[in-house]
Protein backbone atom coordinates (compact mmCIF):
# COMPACT_ATOMS: atom_id res chain seq x y z
CA MET A 1 122.58 83.67 11.63
CA ARG A 2 120.53 83.00 8.53
CA GLU A 3 121.56 84.90 5.42
CA ASP A 4 118.68 85.33 3.02
CA MET A 5 120.31 87.46 0.35
CA ARG A 6 123.81 88.11 -0.80
CA THR A 7 124.35 90.99 -3.18
CA VAL A 8 127.61 91.34 -5.06
CA PHE A 9 129.01 94.60 -6.38
CA THR A 10 132.16 95.56 -8.28
CA ARG A 11 134.20 98.69 -8.85
CA ASP A 12 133.08 101.70 -6.75
CA ALA A 13 130.77 99.53 -4.70
CA PRO A 14 131.13 101.29 -1.34
CA THR A 15 129.08 104.14 -2.84
CA GLY A 16 127.40 102.59 -5.86
CA GLY A 17 129.04 100.19 -8.23
CA ASN A 18 127.91 97.66 -10.74
CA ARG A 19 125.56 95.11 -9.23
CA ILE A 20 126.65 91.80 -10.74
CA GLY A 21 124.55 89.45 -8.70
CA GLN A 22 121.67 89.50 -6.28
CA GLY A 23 120.06 86.79 -4.24
CA ILE A 24 123.04 84.58 -4.90
CA GLY A 25 121.39 81.82 -3.11
CA ALA A 26 122.58 81.47 0.43
CA GLN A 27 119.93 80.16 2.73
CA THR A 28 122.56 79.13 5.25
CA PRO A 29 125.88 80.76 6.13
CA GLY A 30 128.94 79.61 4.24
CA PRO A 31 130.95 80.27 1.10
CA VAL A 32 129.26 81.95 -1.84
CA THR A 33 130.22 81.22 -5.44
CA ILE A 34 130.22 84.18 -7.81
CA PRO A 35 130.49 83.60 -11.58
CA PHE A 36 132.73 86.01 -13.50
CA THR A 37 133.35 86.25 -17.22
CA SER A 38 136.51 87.96 -18.36
CA SER A 39 135.66 91.15 -20.16
CA SER A 40 137.47 93.80 -22.14
CA LEU A 41 135.71 96.35 -19.91
CA TRP A 42 138.06 95.74 -16.98
CA SER A 43 141.32 94.06 -16.27
CA ASP A 44 140.70 93.65 -12.57
CA ALA A 45 137.81 93.86 -10.17
CA THR A 46 137.21 94.32 -6.50
CA VAL A 47 134.28 92.30 -5.25
CA TYR A 48 132.01 93.63 -2.54
CA LEU A 49 129.49 91.58 -0.64
CA ALA A 50 126.39 92.71 1.24
CA LEU A 51 124.33 90.38 3.42
CA LYS A 52 120.67 90.72 4.32
CA GLU A 53 118.71 88.87 6.93
CA THR A 54 114.93 88.60 6.58
CA GLY A 55 113.23 91.68 7.97
CA LYS A 56 116.47 93.61 8.49
CA GLN A 57 118.41 96.19 6.54
CA GLU A 58 121.21 95.19 4.20
CA SER A 59 124.58 95.05 5.93
CA PRO A 60 127.30 97.52 4.98
CA ARG A 61 129.13 96.47 1.85
CA VAL A 62 132.33 94.66 2.68
CA ALA A 63 135.22 94.20 0.27
CA VAL A 64 135.84 90.49 -0.11
CA PRO A 65 139.62 90.14 0.22
CA VAL A 66 139.93 87.66 -2.60
CA LEU A 67 140.16 88.82 -6.15
CA SER A 68 142.17 91.03 -8.40
CA LEU A 69 141.61 89.35 -11.74
CA SER A 70 144.47 89.51 -14.19
CA PRO A 71 143.41 88.20 -17.60
CA THR A 72 145.68 86.09 -19.76
CA SER A 73 149.13 87.35 -20.57
CA THR A 74 149.97 84.71 -23.21
CA LEU A 75 148.05 82.38 -25.49
CA ASN A 76 148.01 79.47 -23.06
CA LEU A 77 148.11 81.15 -19.65
CA ILE A 78 145.59 82.45 -17.14
CA GLN A 79 147.14 84.29 -14.23
CA ILE A 80 145.01 85.07 -11.20
CA SER A 81 145.89 87.15 -8.18
CA TRP A 82 144.04 88.28 -5.09
CA SER A 83 144.60 90.24 -1.92
CA ASN A 84 145.01 88.25 1.26
CA ALA A 85 144.69 91.14 3.67
CA LEU A 86 143.35 88.90 6.42
CA ASP A 87 146.31 86.50 6.07
CA PHE A 88 144.31 83.36 5.46
CA SER A 89 146.70 80.42 5.69
CA ASP A 90 144.60 77.72 4.02
CA ILE A 91 144.33 78.46 0.29
CA LYS A 92 142.90 76.01 -2.25
CA ILE A 93 142.97 76.64 -6.01
CA TYR A 94 140.74 74.69 -8.42
CA LEU A 95 140.56 74.45 -12.22
CA ASN A 96 137.24 73.05 -13.50
CA ASP A 97 136.47 71.80 -9.97
CA VAL A 98 139.76 69.84 -9.76
CA LEU A 99 142.09 70.83 -6.91
CA LYS A 100 145.33 72.09 -8.48
CA ALA A 101 147.08 73.57 -5.45
CA GLU A 102 146.71 73.66 -1.69
CA THR A 103 149.07 76.13 -0.19
CA GLY A 104 149.79 78.69 2.48
CA ASN A 105 149.92 82.44 2.30
CA ILE A 106 150.29 83.28 -1.42
CA ASN A 107 148.44 85.84 -3.53
CA TYR A 108 148.77 84.58 -7.12
CA TYR A 109 148.70 81.45 -9.24
CA ASP A 110 149.47 80.72 -12.90
CA PHE A 111 147.60 78.14 -14.97
CA ASN A 112 149.89 77.16 -17.86
CA GLY A 113 149.40 74.95 -20.91
CA LEU A 114 145.73 75.78 -21.41
CA ALA A 115 143.87 75.34 -24.69
CA GLN A 116 143.20 78.47 -26.71
CA GLY A 117 139.64 79.77 -26.91
CA THR A 118 138.45 77.51 -24.08
CA SER A 119 136.38 78.54 -21.07
CA TYR A 120 137.76 77.47 -17.70
CA SER A 121 136.19 77.62 -14.26
CA ILE A 122 138.74 78.77 -11.70
CA ARG A 123 137.97 78.80 -7.98
CA VAL A 124 140.11 80.18 -5.18
CA GLU A 125 139.16 79.40 -1.59
CA LEU A 126 140.76 81.35 1.22
CA ARG A 127 139.95 80.05 4.67
CA ASP A 128 141.00 80.61 8.24
CA PRO A 129 142.00 77.71 10.53
CA ASP A 130 138.32 77.19 11.41
CA ALA A 131 137.54 76.49 7.71
CA GLU A 132 135.66 79.75 7.26
CA GLY A 133 136.37 82.41 4.71
CA PRO A 134 135.47 83.77 1.31
CA GLN A 135 135.34 81.75 -1.87
CA ILE A 136 135.07 82.98 -5.43
CA VAL A 137 134.72 81.47 -8.89
CA ILE A 138 136.40 83.16 -11.84
CA ARG A 139 135.47 82.28 -15.39
CA ALA A 140 138.05 83.29 -17.98
CA ILE A 141 138.66 82.48 -21.65
CA VAL A 142 142.17 81.91 -22.97
CA PRO A 143 142.40 84.02 -26.15
CA THR A 144 143.07 82.55 -29.57
CA GLN A 145 145.82 83.92 -31.79
CA ASN A 146 143.53 86.28 -33.74
CA GLU A 147 142.01 87.69 -30.53
CA LEU A 148 145.35 89.10 -29.32
């Protein structure tokens, strides 16, 4: 099936929500990458995805079982967590496109020893044994001393 549009929503997305991305660029099926910037407006987010095929109605919004973003808890730490409701067993975690961990059924990861005030690209891939499944990119900034 060809997917011509992916629309991403957060918060109360089953009935409305904040549209954070549209037409996120999938011309063929597969993982979609969603940029996030940590914000003081929320401490976590549920991501919803809707698919649309040319000439058809948008699919129902589906919660992507990936992300519950937990911003930094110390000066040099980013902690991420996600739901793994579908029990994906192949989980890959990247920092700035470098594989940091490849693991089984976990739902959190801590990045320690990070530089203050620096932007990092964090990607978590959850896949089933057939190498299919959601993927998300989180962008977070480790706070400096005077930002805490």
